[in-house]
Amino acid sequence: MPKKQISVVAAVIENDQNELLCALRSPDMSLPNLWEFPGGKVEAGEDLQTAIEREISEELHCNIKAGDVFHRHVHEYDAFIVELICIQAELISGEPVATEHAKLLWLTPDLFSSLNWAPADVPAVEELMAKASLS
C-alpha cells in the first residue's frame, strides 16, 4: 500500500532581535520531543498563506502575516511522506503561546545546531544557518 503523502506548512517567524520561533513537539505528538517550525496541514482548497496563518492562529493564539515560501522539502518517514513548505512570516499581533507544543523558544540561527530537529525540518534549518553565517 502506498504511503500517505501530506502537505504541511511551517512558519519561519522572525522577531526584532533576528531570532526565529522554534517549537518543541510535545510527548503526545508524533515525533515527540523534536524541534520544528510551527505549522500544520494544508486543508483542501486552502492556499499556503491562508493555511499557515490559520494554523498559527489556532496553535499559538497569535496572528502572523505570511510572506514568501522560503524552503520546500519532501521527507519520507516510516509511516508517511511529508512535503514541508516553510513560509517566511511576520508576527502582527499577540505573543505566541504553546498550546499544543511542550515549549516555544526564540533562537538565532547560529544556535540551531544545539536543538534536536525533526528530520523534515533539517534542510530548512541548515539553509537558515548557512544564510545567517553569510550575513
Protein backbone atom coordinates (compact mmCIF):
# COMPACT_ATOMS: atom_id res chain seq x y z
CA MET A 1 0.00 0.00 0.00
CA PRO A 2 1.45 3.42 -0.90
CA LYS A 3 2.33 5.74 1.93
CA LYS A 4 0.05 8.65 2.63
CA GLN A 5 1.51 11.95 1.43
CA ILE A 6 0.67 15.16 3.30
CA SER A 7 1.48 18.81 2.69
CA VAL A 8 2.50 20.73 5.78
CA VAL A 9 3.20 24.45 6.09
CA ALA A 10 5.62 25.79 8.68
CA ALA A 11 6.13 29.40 9.72
CA VAL A 12 9.60 30.92 9.87
CA ILE A 13 8.72 33.83 12.19
CA GLU A 14 11.47 36.35 12.92
CA ASN A 15 11.43 38.83 15.80
CA ASP A 16 13.20 42.19 16.15
CA GLN A 17 16.35 40.51 17.51
CA ASN A 18 16.81 38.34 14.38
CA GLU A 19 15.63 35.31 16.35
CA LEU A 20 13.30 32.70 14.85
CA LEU A 21 10.48 30.92 16.65
CA CYS A 22 11.23 27.24 17.33
CA ALA A 23 8.65 24.83 18.77
CA LEU A 24 9.26 21.63 20.75
CA ARG A 25 6.83 18.83 19.87
CA SER A 26 5.07 17.54 22.98
CA PRO A 27 5.46 13.93 24.21
CA ASP A 28 1.87 13.25 22.96
CA MET A 29 2.59 14.23 19.34
CA SER A 30 4.07 12.05 16.62
CA LEU A 31 7.86 12.67 16.52
CA PRO A 32 7.80 13.61 20.23
CA ASN A 33 10.40 15.89 21.79
CA LEU A 34 11.83 17.09 18.48
CA TRP A 35 12.05 20.74 17.47
CA GLU A 36 10.26 22.17 14.45
CA PHE A 37 8.99 25.37 12.94
CA PRO A 38 5.32 25.66 14.00
CA GLY A 39 2.56 24.99 11.49
CA GLY A 40 0.33 22.20 10.26
CA LYS A 41 -1.51 20.51 7.43
CA VAL A 42 -2.83 22.37 4.42
CA GLU A 43 -6.56 21.75 4.12
CA ALA A 44 -8.40 21.15 0.83
CA GLY A 45 -8.92 24.37 -1.11
CA GLU A 46 -6.54 26.42 1.07
CA ASP A 47 -3.62 28.35 -0.34
CA LEU A 48 -0.33 28.12 1.56
CA GLN A 49 -0.51 31.59 3.10
CA THR A 50 -4.08 31.08 4.35
CA ALA A 51 -3.14 27.68 5.78
CA ILE A 52 -0.14 28.93 7.77
CA GLU A 53 -2.00 31.99 9.09
CA ARG A 54 -4.87 29.71 10.24
CA GLU A 55 -2.55 27.12 11.81
CA ILE A 56 -0.55 29.70 13.77
CA SER A 57 -3.73 31.38 14.97
CA GLU A 58 -5.16 28.01 16.15
CA GLU A 59 -1.95 26.60 17.66
CA LEU A 60 -0.13 29.64 19.03
CA HIS A 61 -3.00 32.10 19.64
CA CYS A 62 -1.31 34.94 17.78
CA ASN A 63 -1.58 36.42 14.28
CA ILE A 64 1.02 36.41 11.54
CA LYS A 65 1.23 37.82 8.04
CA ALA A 66 2.51 35.10 5.72
CA GLY A 67 5.12 36.07 3.15
CA ASP A 68 7.01 34.10 0.52
CA VAL A 69 7.85 30.41 0.51
CA PHE A 70 11.36 30.13 1.92
CA HIS A 71 12.00 26.40 1.52
CA ARG A 72 10.29 23.23 0.23
CA HIS A 73 11.38 19.70 1.08
CA VAL A 74 9.87 16.23 0.75
CA HIS A 75 10.79 13.83 3.55
CA GLU A 76 9.83 10.17 3.78
CA TYR A 77 9.11 8.91 7.29
CA ASP A 78 8.34 5.26 8.10
CA ALA A 79 4.56 5.76 8.07
CA PHE A 80 4.04 8.67 5.64
CA ILE A 81 5.63 11.18 3.28
CA VAL A 82 5.54 14.87 4.13
CA GLU A 83 6.11 17.86 1.90
CA LEU A 84 7.24 20.59 4.29
CA ILE A 85 6.76 24.10 2.97
CA CYS A 86 8.45 26.76 5.10
CA ILE A 87 6.99 30.24 4.74
CA GLN A 88 8.53 33.46 5.96
CA ALA A 89 6.14 35.22 8.31
CA GLU A 90 5.87 38.31 10.44
CA LEU A 91 4.16 38.45 13.85
CA ILE A 92 1.46 41.11 13.59
CA SER A 93 -0.45 40.72 16.86
CA GLY A 94 -0.28 38.78 20.11
CA GLU A 95 2.55 36.74 21.56
CA PRO A 96 2.93 33.04 20.62
CA VAL A 97 1.61 30.67 23.31
CA ALA A 98 2.46 26.95 23.43
CA THR A 99 -0.97 25.28 23.46
CA GLU A 100 -0.01 22.03 21.66
CA HIS A 101 3.78 22.19 21.86
CA ALA A 102 5.80 21.47 25.01
CA LYS A 103 7.83 24.66 24.65
CA LEU A 104 8.49 27.66 22.40
CA LEU A 105 11.89 29.27 22.03
CA TRP A 106 13.20 32.32 20.16
CA LEU A 107 16.67 31.46 18.87
CA THR A 108 19.18 32.90 16.42
CA PRO A 109 20.05 30.53 13.55
CA ASP A 110 23.69 30.22 14.70
CA LEU A 111 22.38 28.31 17.76
CA PHE A 112 20.03 25.95 15.84
CA SER A 113 22.54 23.10 15.95
CA SER A 114 22.04 22.92 19.74
CA LEU A 115 18.48 21.59 19.19
CA ASN A 116 17.34 18.13 18.09
CA TRP A 117 15.23 18.90 14.98
CA ALA A 118 12.51 16.81 13.31
CA PRO A 119 14.07 15.25 10.18
CA ALA A 120 11.76 17.09 7.74
CA ASP A 121 12.82 20.45 9.22
CA VAL A 122 16.59 19.81 8.99
CA PRO A 123 17.15 21.05 5.39
CA ALA A 124 15.40 24.38 6.14
CA VAL A 125 17.34 24.69 9.42
CA GLU A 126 20.62 24.11 7.57
CA GLU A 127 19.70 26.70 4.93
CA LEU A 128 18.83 29.29 7.62
CA MET A 129 22.10 28.58 9.44
CA ALA A 130 24.09 28.96 6.20
CA LYS A 131 22.25 32.19 5.34
CA ALA A 132 22.94 33.59 8.84
CA SER A 133 26.64 32.75 8.66
CA LEU A 134 26.93 34.81 5.44
CA SER A 135 25.41 37.95 6.93
